[in-house]
C-alpha atoms as a PDB file:
ATOM      1  CA  MET A   1       0.126   0.048   0.074  1.00  0.00           C
ATOM      2  CA  GLU A   2       1.370   3.468  -0.854  1.00  0.00           C
ATOM      3  CA  PRO A   3       1.989   5.861   1.980  1.00  0.00           C
ATOM      4  CA  ASP A   4      -0.463   8.435   0.533  1.00  0.00           C
ATOM      5  CA  GLU A   5      -3.124   5.729   0.184  1.00  0.00           C
ATOM      6  CA  GLY A   6      -2.640   4.721   3.839  1.00  0.00           C
ATOM      7  CA  HIS A   7      -2.863   8.279   4.834  1.00  0.00           C
ATOM      8  CA  GLN A   8      -6.009   8.780   3.022  1.00  0.00           C
ATOM      9  CA  ARG A   9      -7.623   5.693   4.543  1.00  0.00           C
ATOM     10  CA  ARG A  10      -6.642   6.773   7.941  1.00  0.00           C
ATOM     11  CA  SER A  11      -8.210  10.275   7.253  1.00  0.00           C
ATOM     12  CA  ARG A  12     -11.442   8.929   6.011  1.00  0.00           C
ATOM     13  CA  ARG A  13     -11.610   6.590   8.948  1.00  0.00           C
ATOM     14  CA  ILE A  14     -11.140   9.341  11.342  1.00  0.00           C
ATOM     15  CA  LEU A  15     -13.756  11.609   9.560  1.00  0.00           C
ATOM     16  CA  ALA A  16     -16.127   8.738   9.597  1.00  0.00           C
ATOM     17  CA  GLY A  17     -15.448   8.305  13.257  1.00  0.00           C
ATOM     18  CA  VAL A  18     -16.026  12.048  13.988  1.00  0.00           C
ATOM     19  CA  LEU A  19     -19.280  11.970  12.187  1.00  0.00           C
ATOM     20  CA  ALA A  20     -20.494   9.021  14.030  1.00  0.00           C
ATOM     21  CA  ALA A  21     -19.527  10.411  17.311  1.00  0.00           C
ATOM     22  CA  LEU A  22     -21.411  13.724  16.484  1.00  0.00           C
ATOM     23  CA  PHE A  23     -24.424  11.488  15.517  1.00  0.00           C
ATOM     24  CA  ALA A  24     -24.156   9.424  18.692  1.00  0.00           C
ATOM     25  CA  ALA A  25     -23.993  12.723  20.709  1.00  0.00           C
ATOM     26  CA  MET A  26     -27.128  14.265  19.045  1.00  0.00           C
ATOM     27  CA  LEU A  27     -29.054  11.037  19.528  1.00  0.00           C
ATOM     28  CA  ALA A  28     -27.985  11.042  23.217  1.00  0.00           C
ATOM     29  CA  TYR A  29     -29.256  14.676  23.510  1.00  0.00           C
ATOM     30  CA  LYS A  30     -32.407  13.901  22.075  1.00  0.00           C
ATOM     31  CA  VAL A  31     -33.048  10.975  24.498  1.00  0.00           C
ATOM     32  CA  LEU A  32     -31.822  12.976  27.585  1.00  0.00           C
ATOM     33  CA  HIS A  33     -34.015  15.968  26.494  1.00  0.00           C
ATOM     34  CA  THR A  34     -36.967  13.604  26.248  1.00  0.00           C
ATOM     35  CA  GLY A  35     -36.237  12.323  29.667  1.00  0.00           C
ATOM     36  CA  GLU A  36     -35.767  15.835  30.950  1.00  0.00           C
ATOM     37  CA  LEU A  37     -32.311  15.175  32.176  1.00  0.00           C
ATOM     38  CA  GLU A  38     -30.615  17.721  30.048  1.00  0.00           C
ATOM     39  CA  GLN A  39     -29.554  19.685  33.302  1.00  0.00           C
ATOM     40  CA  THR A  40     -28.041  16.772  34.923  1.00  0.00           C
ATOM     41  CA  ALA A  41     -24.423  15.271  35.083  1.00  0.00           C
ATOM     42  CA  VAL A  42     -25.933  12.539  32.808  1.00  0.00           C
ATOM     43  CA  PHE A  43     -25.969  15.358  30.159  1.00  0.00           C
ATOM     44  CA  TYR A  44     -22.670  17.155  30.851  1.00  0.00           C
ATOM     45  CA  VAL A  45     -20.520  14.292  31.485  1.00  0.00           C
ATOM     46  CA  GLY A  46     -22.516  11.393  29.543  1.00  0.00           C
ATOM     47  CA  ILE A  47     -22.408  13.166  26.211  1.00  0.00           C
ATOM     48  CA  PRO A  48     -18.497  13.558  26.263  1.00  0.00           C
ATOM     49  CA  ALA A  49     -18.415   9.881  27.303  1.00  0.00           C
ATOM     50  CA  VAL A  50     -20.480   8.805  24.295  1.00  0.00           C
ATOM     51  CA  ILE A  51     -18.178  10.929  22.043  1.00  0.00           C
ATOM     52  CA  ALA A  52     -15.083   9.486  23.559  1.00  0.00           C
ATOM     53  CA  ILE A  53     -16.188   5.761  23.341  1.00  0.00           C
ATOM     54  CA  THR A  54     -17.489   6.131  19.805  1.00  0.00           C
ATOM     55  CA  ILE A  55     -14.107   7.825  18.745  1.00  0.00           C
ATOM     56  CA  ALA A  56     -12.220   5.102  20.431  1.00  0.00           C
ATOM     57  CA  LEU A  57     -14.157   2.199  18.701  1.00  0.00           C
ATOM     58  CA  THR A  58     -14.548   3.478  15.287  1.00  0.00           C
ATOM     59  CA  THR A  59     -11.099   5.505  14.641  1.00  0.00           C
ATOM     60  CA  ARG A  60      -8.533   4.033  16.910  1.00  0.00           C
ATOM     61  CA  PRO A  61      -6.443   7.164  16.471  1.00  0.00           C
ATOM     62  CA  ARG A  62      -2.899   7.431  17.891  1.00  0.00           C
ATOM     63  CA  SER A  63      -4.198   9.907  20.427  1.00  0.00           C
ATOM     64  CA  ALA A  64      -7.924   9.766  21.377  1.00  0.00           C
ATOM     65  CA  THR A  65      -7.620  12.790  23.438  1.00  0.00           C
ATOM     66  CA  GLY A  66      -6.887  15.280  20.821  1.00  0.00           C
ATOM     67  CA  LEU A  67      -9.646  13.920  18.517  1.00  0.00           C
ATOM     68  CA  ILE A  68     -12.146  13.797  21.255  1.00  0.00           C
ATOM     69  CA  MET A  69     -11.484  17.429  22.138  1.00  0.00           C
ATOM     70  CA  ALA A  70     -11.650  18.311  18.401  1.00  0.00           C
ATOM     71  CA  THR A  71     -15.023  16.500  18.080  1.00  0.00           C
ATOM     72  CA  ILE A  72     -16.366  18.224  21.193  1.00  0.00           C
ATOM     73  CA  THR A  73     -15.338  21.614  19.568  1.00  0.00           C
ATOM     74  CA  ILE A  74     -17.293  20.841  16.511  1.00  0.00           C
ATOM     75  CA  GLY A  75     -20.416  19.825  18.583  1.00  0.00           C
ATOM     76  CA  LEU A  76     -20.481  22.986  20.646  1.00  0.00           C
ATOM     77  CA  ALA A  77     -20.007  25.093  17.244  1.00  0.00           C
ATOM     78  CA  LEU A  78     -23.123  23.093  15.839  1.00  0.00           C
ATOM     79  CA  ALA A  79     -25.227  23.389  19.097  1.00  0.00           C
ATOM     80  CA  GLY A  80     -25.878  27.107  18.626  1.00  0.00           C
ATOM     81  CA  PRO A  81     -27.657  27.045  15.324  1.00  0.00           C
ATOM     82  CA  LEU A  82     -29.004  23.416  15.473  1.00  0.00           C
ATOM     83  CA  LEU A  83     -30.199  23.454  18.989  1.00  0.00           C
ATOM     84  CA  GLY A  84     -30.987  27.156  19.457  1.00  0.00           C
ATOM     85  CA  GLU A  85     -28.617  27.768  22.389  1.00  0.00           C
ATOM     86  CA  GLY A  86     -27.366  31.060  23.345  1.00  0.00           C
ATOM     87  CA  ILE A  87     -23.616  32.326  23.671  1.00  0.00           C
ATOM     88  CA  VAL A  88     -23.759  32.399  27.364  1.00  0.00           C
ATOM     89  CA  CYS A  89     -25.138  28.940  27.615  1.00  0.00           C
ATOM     90  CA  LEU A  90     -22.485  27.499  25.313  1.00  0.00           C
ATOM     91  CA  LEU A  91     -19.687  29.453  27.004  1.00  0.00           C
ATOM     92  CA  PHE A  92     -20.679  28.056  30.518  1.00  0.00           C
ATOM     93  CA  ALA A  93     -21.124  24.468  29.174  1.00  0.00           C
ATOM     94  CA  ALA A  94     -17.887  24.303  27.272  1.00  0.00           C
ATOM     95  CA  PRO A  95     -15.508  24.021  30.258  1.00  0.00           C
ATOM     96  CA  VAL A  96     -17.300  21.076  31.660  1.00  0.00           C
ATOM     97  CA  PHE A  97     -17.650  19.379  28.251  1.00  0.00           C
ATOM     98  CA  TYR A  98     -13.941  19.793  27.599  1.00  0.00           C
ATOM     99  CA  ALA A  99     -13.053  18.636  31.232  1.00  0.00           C
ATOM    100  CA  SER A 100     -15.162  15.485  30.788  1.00  0.00           C
ATOM    101  CA  GLY A 101     -13.948  14.796  27.266  1.00  0.00           C
ATOM    102  CA  LEU A 102     -10.354  15.264  28.412  1.00  0.00           C
ATOM    103  CA  ALA A 103     -10.640  12.877  31.241  1.00  0.00           C
ATOM    104  CA  PHE A 104     -12.037  10.218  29.060  1.00  0.00           C
ATOM    105  CA  GLY A 105      -9.596  10.865  26.392  1.00  0.00           C
ATOM    106  CA  LEU A 106      -6.656  10.438  28.842  1.00  0.00           C
ATOM    107  CA  LEU A 107      -8.303   7.259  30.160  1.00  0.00           C
ATOM    108  CA  ILE A 108      -8.593   5.744  26.886  1.00  0.00           C
ATOM    109  CA  ASP A 109      -4.954   6.681  25.858  1.00  0.00           C
ATOM    110  CA  TRP A 110      -3.676   5.359  29.084  1.00  0.00           C
ATOM    111  CA  SER A 111      -5.723   2.072  28.944  1.00  0.00           C
ATOM    112  CA  ARG A 112      -4.191   1.428  25.302  1.00  0.00           C
ATOM    113  CA  ARG A 113      -0.664   2.035  26.258  1.00  0.00           C
ATOM    114  CA  HIS A 114      -1.097  -0.193  29.290  1.00  0.00           C
ATOM    115  CA  ARG A 115      -3.059  -2.938  27.399  1.00  0.00           C
ATOM    116  CA  GLY A 116      -5.912  -2.381  30.029  1.00  0.00           C
ATOM    117  CA  GLY A 117      -9.694  -3.066  29.208  1.00  0.00           C
ATOM    118  CA  MET A 118     -11.154   0.147  28.309  1.00  0.00           C
ATOM    119  CA  SER A 119     -14.587  -0.720  29.276  1.00  0.00           C
ATOM    120  CA  VAL A 120     -13.389  -1.949  32.812  1.00  0.00           C
ATOM    121  CA  ILE A 121     -12.141   1.667  33.446  1.00  0.00           C
ATOM    122  CA  ILE A 122     -14.528   3.844  31.631  1.00  0.00           C
ATOM    123  CA  VAL A 123     -17.986   2.229  32.365  1.00  0.00           C
ATOM    124  CA  PRO A 124     -17.638   2.362  36.240  1.00  0.00           C
ATOM    125  CA  LEU A 125     -16.317   6.001  35.957  1.00  0.00           C
ATOM    126  CA  LEU A 126     -19.263   6.929  33.787  1.00  0.00           C
ATOM    127  CA  LEU A 127     -21.731   5.492  36.249  1.00  0.00           C
ATOM    128  CA  LEU A 128     -20.141   7.436  39.092  1.00  0.00           C
ATOM    129  CA  THR A 129     -19.792  10.706  37.489  1.00  0.00           C
ATOM    130  CA  ALA A 130     -22.866  10.944  35.494  1.00  0.00           C
ATOM    131  CA  ALA A 131     -25.426   9.794  38.081  1.00  0.00           C
ATOM    132  CA  GLU A 132     -25.573  13.126  39.905  1.00  0.00           C
ATOM    133  CA  GLY A 133     -28.997  14.617  39.436  1.00  0.00           C
ATOM    134  CA  ALA A 134     -30.445  11.873  37.660  1.00  0.00           C
ATOM    135  CA  THR A 135     -32.782  11.094  40.613  1.00  0.00           C
ATOM    136  CA  ASP A 136     -33.467  12.587  44.013  1.00  0.00           C
ATOM    137  CA  ALA A 137     -31.276  10.232  45.537  1.00  0.00           C
ATOM    138  CA  THR A 138     -28.177  11.096  43.429  1.00  0.00           C
ATOM    139  CA  SER A 139     -28.765  14.968  43.887  1.00  0.00           C
ATOM    140  CA  LEU A 140     -26.735  16.980  46.027  1.00  0.00           C
ATOM    141  CA  PRO A 141     -28.321  19.833  48.168  1.00  0.00           C
ATOM    142  CA  ARG A 142     -29.501  22.472  45.883  1.00  0.00           C
ATOM    143  CA  GLY A 143     -30.625  25.347  48.151  1.00  0.00           C
ATOM    144  CA  GLU A 144     -28.430  28.367  47.920  1.00  0.00           C
ATOM    145  CA  ALA A 145     -28.268  31.958  49.156  1.00  0.00           C
ATOM    146  CA  VAL A 146     -25.758  34.599  48.570  1.00  0.00           C
ATOM    147  CA  THR A 147     -25.480  38.107  50.035  1.00  0.00           C
ATOM    148  CA  ALA A 148     -24.041  41.582  48.807  1.00  0.00           C
ATOM    149  CA  THR A 149     -23.935  44.633  50.927  1.00  0.00           C
ATOM    150  CA  ARG A 150     -23.125  48.162  49.857  1.00  0.00           C
ATOM    151  CA  ALA A 151     -22.880  51.528  51.750  1.00  0.00           C
ATOM    152  CA  THR A 152     -26.107  53.706  51.399  1.00  0.00           C
ATOM    153  CA  GLY A 153     -24.392  57.033  51.238  1.00  0.00           C
ATOM    154  CA  ALA A 154     -27.053  59.606  50.988  1.00  0.00           C
ATOM    155  CA  ALA A 155     -29.583  57.303  49.394  1.00  0.00           C
ATOM    156  CA  ASP A 156     -33.034  56.855  51.009  1.00  0.00           C
ATOM    157  CA  VAL A 157     -33.206  53.073  50.347  1.00  0.00           C
ATOM    158  CA  GLY A 158     -36.803  52.684  51.695  1.00  0.00           C
ATOM    159  CA  ARG A 159     -38.237  55.322  49.203  1.00  0.00           C
ATOM    160  CA  ALA A 160     -35.932  53.720  46.363  1.00  0.00           C
ATOM    161  CA  LEU A 161     -37.279  50.387  46.922  1.00  0.00           C
ATOM    162  CA  ALA A 162     -41.008  51.472  47.202  1.00  0.00           C
ATOM    163  CA  THR A 163     -40.673  53.064  43.574  1.00  0.00           C
ATOM    164  CA  PRO A 164     -39.710  51.803  40.127  1.00  0.00           C
ATOM    165  CA  PRO A 165     -35.883  52.056  39.951  1.00  0.00           C
ATOM    166  CA  ALA A 166     -33.892  53.237  37.045  1.00  0.00           C
ATOM    167  CA  PHE A 167     -31.728  50.410  35.961  1.00  0.00           C
ATOM    168  CA  ALA A 168     -28.149  50.979  34.849  1.00  0.00           C
ATOM    169  CA  ALA A 169     -25.851  48.785  32.685  1.00  0.00           C
ATOM    170  CA  PHE A 170     -23.962  45.866  34.233  1.00  0.00           C
ATOM    171  CA  GLY A 171     -20.628  46.742  35.679  1.00  0.00           C
ATOM    172  CA  SER A 172     -19.653  43.182  36.120  1.00  0.00           C
ATOM    173  CA  PRO A 173     -17.795  41.721  33.341  1.00  0.00           C
ATOM    174  CA  LEU A 174     -19.402  38.314  33.900  1.00  0.00           C
ATOM    175  CA  LEU A 175     -22.869  39.713  33.612  1.00  0.00           C
ATOM    176  CA  ARG A 176     -21.996  41.835  30.732  1.00  0.00           C
ATOM    177  CA  MET A 177     -21.145  38.377  28.703  1.00  0.00           C
ATOM    178  CA  GLY A 178     -24.944  38.247  27.785  1.00  0.00           C
ATOM    179  CA  PHE A 179     -26.891  37.774  31.156  1.00  0.00           C
ATOM    180  CA  PRO A 180     -30.559  39.226  31.076  1.00  0.00           C
ATOM    181  CA  ARG A 181     -30.335  42.925  32.226  1.00  0.00           C
ATOM    182  CA  PRO A 182     -33.383  44.563  33.765  1.00  0.00           C
ATOM    183  CA  LEU A 183     -34.867  47.500  31.666  1.00  0.00           C
ATOM    184  CA  SER A 184     -37.877  48.718  33.488  1.00  0.00           C
ATOM    185  CA  ALA A 185     -39.992  47.861  36.313  1.00  0.00           C
ATOM    186  CA  ARG A 186     -43.875  48.484  37.179  1.00  0.00           C
ATOM    187  CA  GLY A 187     -45.499  48.601  40.588  1.00  0.00           C
ATOM    188  CA  GLU A 188     -45.032  50.541  43.706  1.00  0.00           C
ATOM    189  CA  GLY A 189     -45.168  50.125  47.475  1.00  0.00           C
ATOM    190  CA  LEU A 190     -43.535  47.913  50.084  1.00  0.00           C
ATOM    191  CA  GLN A 191     -46.669  46.710  51.880  1.00  0.00           C
ATOM    192  CA  VAL A 192     -47.316  42.839  51.915  1.00  0.00           C
ATOM    193  CA  GLY A 193     -48.875  41.870  48.614  1.00  0.00           C
ATOM    194  CA  ALA A 194     -47.581  44.691  46.406  1.00  0.00           C
ATOM    195  CA  VAL A 195     -46.398  43.415  43.011  1.00  0.00           C
ATOM    196  CA  ARG A 196     -43.476  44.260  40.986  1.00  0.00           C
ATOM    197  CA  GLU A 197     -43.338  43.445  37.159  1.00  0.00           C
ATOM    198  CA  ILE A 198     -39.674  43.710  35.778  1.00  0.00           C
ATOM    199  CA  THR A 199     -38.883  43.635  32.016  1.00  0.00           C
ATOM    200  CA  PHE A 200     -35.547  42.192  30.933  1.00  0.00           C
ATOM    201  CA  THR A 201     -33.536  42.304  27.681  1.00  0.00           C
ATOM    202  CA  PRO A 202     -35.029  39.616  25.334  1.00  0.00           C
ATOM    203  CA  ARG A 203     -33.385  36.194  24.937  1.00  0.00           C
ATOM    204  CA  ARG A 204     -31.325  35.947  21.779  1.00  0.00           C
ATOM    205  CA  SER A 205     -30.410  32.237  20.632  1.00  0.00           C
ATOM    206  CA  LEU A 206     -28.106  31.214  17.925  1.00  0.00           C
ATOM    207  CA  GLY A 207     -30.835  29.115  16.356  1.00  0.00           C
ATOM    208  CA  ILE A 208     -31.307  29.403  12.541  1.00  0.00           C
ATOM    209  CA  GLY A 209     -34.054  31.905  12.115  1.00  0.00           C
ATOM    210  CA  ALA A 210     -34.669  32.553  15.866  1.00  0.00           C
ATOM    211  CA  VAL A 211     -36.364  35.588  16.814  1.00  0.00           C
ATOM    212  CA  PRO A 212     -35.819  37.544  20.231  1.00  0.00           C
ATOM    213  CA  GLU A 213     -37.880  36.101  23.000  1.00  0.00           C
ATOM    214  CA  PRO A 214     -39.404  38.689  25.666  1.00  0.00           C
ATOM    215  CA  ARG A 215     -38.412  37.905  29.340  1.00  0.00           C
ATOM    216  CA  SER A 216     -39.805  39.193  32.496  1.00  0.00           C
ATOM    217  CA  MET A 217     -40.140  38.661  36.214  1.00  0.00           C
ATOM    218  CA  THR A 218     -43.062  39.074  38.611  1.00  0.00           C
ATOM    219  CA  LEU A 219     -42.316  39.645  42.224  1.00  0.00           C
ATOM    220  CA  ARG A 220     -44.654  39.916  45.269  1.00  0.00           C
ATOM    221  CA  VAL A 221     -43.910  41.504  48.702  1.00  0.00           C
ATOM    222  CA  LYS A 222     -43.818  38.561  51.102  1.00  0.00           C
ATOM    223  CA  GLU A 223     -42.630  40.264  54.194  1.00  0.00           C
ATOM    224  CA  SER A 224     -42.382  43.945  55.097  1.00  0.00           C
ATOM    225  CA  ALA A 225     -41.042  45.778  58.200  1.00  0.00           C
ATOM    226  CA  PRO A 226     -39.034  48.754  59.034  1.00  0.00           C
ATOM    227  CA  GLY A 227     -35.454  48.346  57.360  1.00  0.00           C
ATOM    228  CA  ARG A 228     -36.545  44.847  55.789  1.00  0.00           C
ATOM    229  CA  VAL A 229     -38.566  43.691  52.798  1.00  0.00           C
ATOM    230  CA  VAL A 230     -38.699  40.238  51.154  1.00  0.00           C
ATOM    231  CA  PHE A 231     -39.798  39.927  47.621  1.00  0.00           C
ATOM    232  CA  GLN A 232     -40.878  36.421  46.557  1.00  0.00           C
ATOM    233  CA  VAL A 233     -40.604  35.385  42.897  1.00  0.00           C
ATOM    234  CA  VAL A 234     -44.093  34.374  41.539  1.00  0.00           C
ATOM    235  CA  ARG A 235     -43.294  34.139  37.735  1.00  0.00           C
ATOM    236  CA  ASP A 236     -39.980  34.082  35.967  1.00  0.00           C
ATOM    237  CA  THR A 237     -39.300  33.649  32.292  1.00  0.00           C
ATOM    238  CA  THR A 238     -35.737  35.335  32.653  1.00  0.00           C
ATOM    239  CA  LEU A 239     -33.662  33.113  34.931  1.00  0.00           C
ATOM    240  CA  ALA A 240     -35.663  29.900  34.789  1.00  0.00           C
ATOM    241  CA  ARG A 241     -33.440  28.272  32.232  1.00  0.00           C
ATOM    242  CA  TRP A 242     -30.512  29.107  34.511  1.00  0.00           C
ATOM    243  CA  LEU A 243     -31.535  28.617  38.079  1.00  0.00           C
ATOM    244  CA  ASP A 244     -34.612  28.617  40.185  1.00  0.00           C
ATOM    245  CA  LEU A 245     -34.718  32.234  41.921  1.00  0.00           C
ATOM    246  CA  ARG A 246     -37.086  32.065  45.111  1.00  0.00           C
ATOM    247  CA  GLU A 247     -36.584  35.296  47.029  1.00  0.00           C
ATOM    248  CA  ALA A 248     -34.932  38.683  47.103  1.00  0.00           C
ATOM    249  CA  GLU A 249     -34.444  40.072  50.729  1.00  0.00           C
ATOM    250  CA  PHE A 250     -33.382  43.635  51.385  1.00  0.00           C
ATOM    251  CA  THR A 251     -32.334  44.624  54.824  1.00  0.00           C
ATOM    252  CA  TRP A 252     -30.979  48.245  55.377  1.00  0.00           C
ATOM    253  CA  THR A 253     -29.688  50.723  58.060  1.00  0.00           C
ATOM    254  CA  PRO A 254     -28.991  54.453  57.492  1.00  0.00           C
ATOM    255  CA  ALA A 255     -25.520  53.245  56.687  1.00  0.00           C
ATOM    256  CA  ARG A 256     -25.817  49.847  54.616  1.00  0.00           C
ATOM    257  CA  LEU A 257     -27.899  47.874  52.400  1.00  0.00           C
ATOM    258  CA  SER A 258     -27.828  44.139  52.216  1.00  0.00           C
ATOM    259  CA  VAL A 259     -29.346  42.257  49.455  1.00  0.00           C
ATOM    260  CA  THR A 260     -29.806  38.387  49.835  1.00  0.00           C
ATOM    261  CA  LEU A 261     -31.084  36.225  46.818  1.00  0.00           C
ATOM    262  CA  ARG A 262     -32.229  32.792  47.703  1.00  0.00           C
ATOM    263  CA  TYR A 263     -32.440  30.305  44.917  1.00  0.00           C
ATOM    264  CA  ARG A 264     -32.341  26.494  44.111  1.00  0.00           C
ATOM    265  CA  ARG A 265     -29.537  25.170  41.932  1.00  0.00           C
ATOM    266  CA  THR A 266     -31.109  23.343  38.957  1.00  0.00           C
ATOM    267  CA  PHE A 267     -27.961  22.229  37.109  1.00  0.00           C
ATOM    268  CA  ASP A 268     -25.498  19.318  37.704  1.00  0.00           C
ATOM    269  CA  PRO A 269     -22.759  18.505  38.289  1.00  0.00           C
ATOM    270  CA  ALA A 270     -22.576  20.505  41.433  1.00  0.00           C
ATOM    271  CA  TRP A 271     -18.739  20.738  41.486  1.00  0.00           C
ATOM    272  CA  TYR A 272     -18.903  22.990  38.461  1.00  0.00           C
ATOM    273  CA  PHE A 273     -22.334  24.576  38.338  1.00  0.00           C
ATOM    274  CA  GLY A 274     -22.537  25.274  42.056  1.00  0.00           C
ATOM    275  CA  PRO A 275     -19.613  27.729  42.306  1.00  0.00           C
ATOM    276  CA  LEU A 276     -20.421  29.221  38.767  1.00  0.00           C
ATOM    277  CA  GLN A 277     -23.988  29.960  39.763  1.00  0.00           C
ATOM    278  CA  ARG A 278     -22.946  31.220  43.330  1.00  0.00           C
ATOM    279  CA  TYR A 279     -20.616  33.730  41.734  1.00  0.00           C
ATOM    280  CA  ALA A 280     -23.070  34.941  39.034  1.00  0.00           C
ATOM    281  CA  THR A 281     -25.977  35.264  41.538  1.00  0.00           C
ATOM    282  CA  GLY A 282     -23.470  37.331  43.798  1.00  0.00           C
ATOM    283  CA  GLN A 283     -22.822  39.612  41.126  1.00  0.00           C
ATOM    284  CA  ALA A 284     -26.484  40.054  40.475  1.00  0.00           C
ATOM    285  CA  ALA A 285     -27.094  40.824  44.229  1.00  0.00           C
ATOM    286  CA  ALA A 286     -24.288  43.388  44.090  1.00  0.00           C
ATOM    287  CA  TYR A 287     -25.850  45.033  41.133  1.00  0.00           C
ATOM    288  CA  LEU A 288     -29.279  45.278  42.893  1.00  0.00           C
ATOM    289  CA  ALA A 289     -27.520  46.666  46.005  1.00  0.00           C
ATOM    290  CA  GLU A 290     -25.795  49.349  43.768  1.00  0.00           C
ATOM    291  CA  THR A 291     -29.098  50.099  41.888  1.00  0.00           C
ATOM    292  CA  PHE A 292     -30.880  51.140  45.184  1.00  0.00           C
ATOM    293  CA  THR A 293     -27.945  52.960  46.688  1.00  0.00           C
ATOM    294  CA  ARG A 294     -27.242  55.407  43.899  1.00  0.00           C
END
């Protein structure tokens, strides 16, 4: 066999393996989406594992790790237009996909070098790492709360909270990446039962032919006392794809305002999405504290 012919056959085999891996990943996505498991570790660890195993079985490359990472990159690039994901979702999902793919790729390459049985290593690891969130028994605690505090300066916090605020642009680099930003609010008063309707920037996905989707949040005053008010989220089309925001508590003195956001983490694995959501929610709490102390 001529060297060029061998190289061409190997290239065709690799291309066929990449296409097979992408098809397997798409099929896994459809199955997990139907089973409402797209926010669990089964999705974020399982799909890279499907890609890794398909690559290993169909291409037998010199280095499975590099080919797996390249395939994940192609898959993420296609996810926007084909699945209608937004740029922020892809950016936040990419690290955990790459980390999982890297881990499985290194395991495959190691098992080949040491003549180990690939399935003996990968299958138990897949079951352990991908099980989180699939059932209540495999879920870690989800309740979270973050607090941000700012000096009030000369601001009358009580008056500011009782009237619709003027929302400014985000100062946080993370929030500026594409998080929904409040544009306007309707509703007044801090008495129990008072309602706020907040309109946010529309959702813009990367889907082919996608149109902006309006987003809003409705809050109702749950508790009210001098220097303290708790807003309960009663409807949310803004953050519901990202986390389950439950309450926003404002406590203030003449000197300081503290904003506490209580929410329920809805994504797994917790080791990745837990810190990410806490940091992003903390930035949002700081933004609110600054909004009402200007």
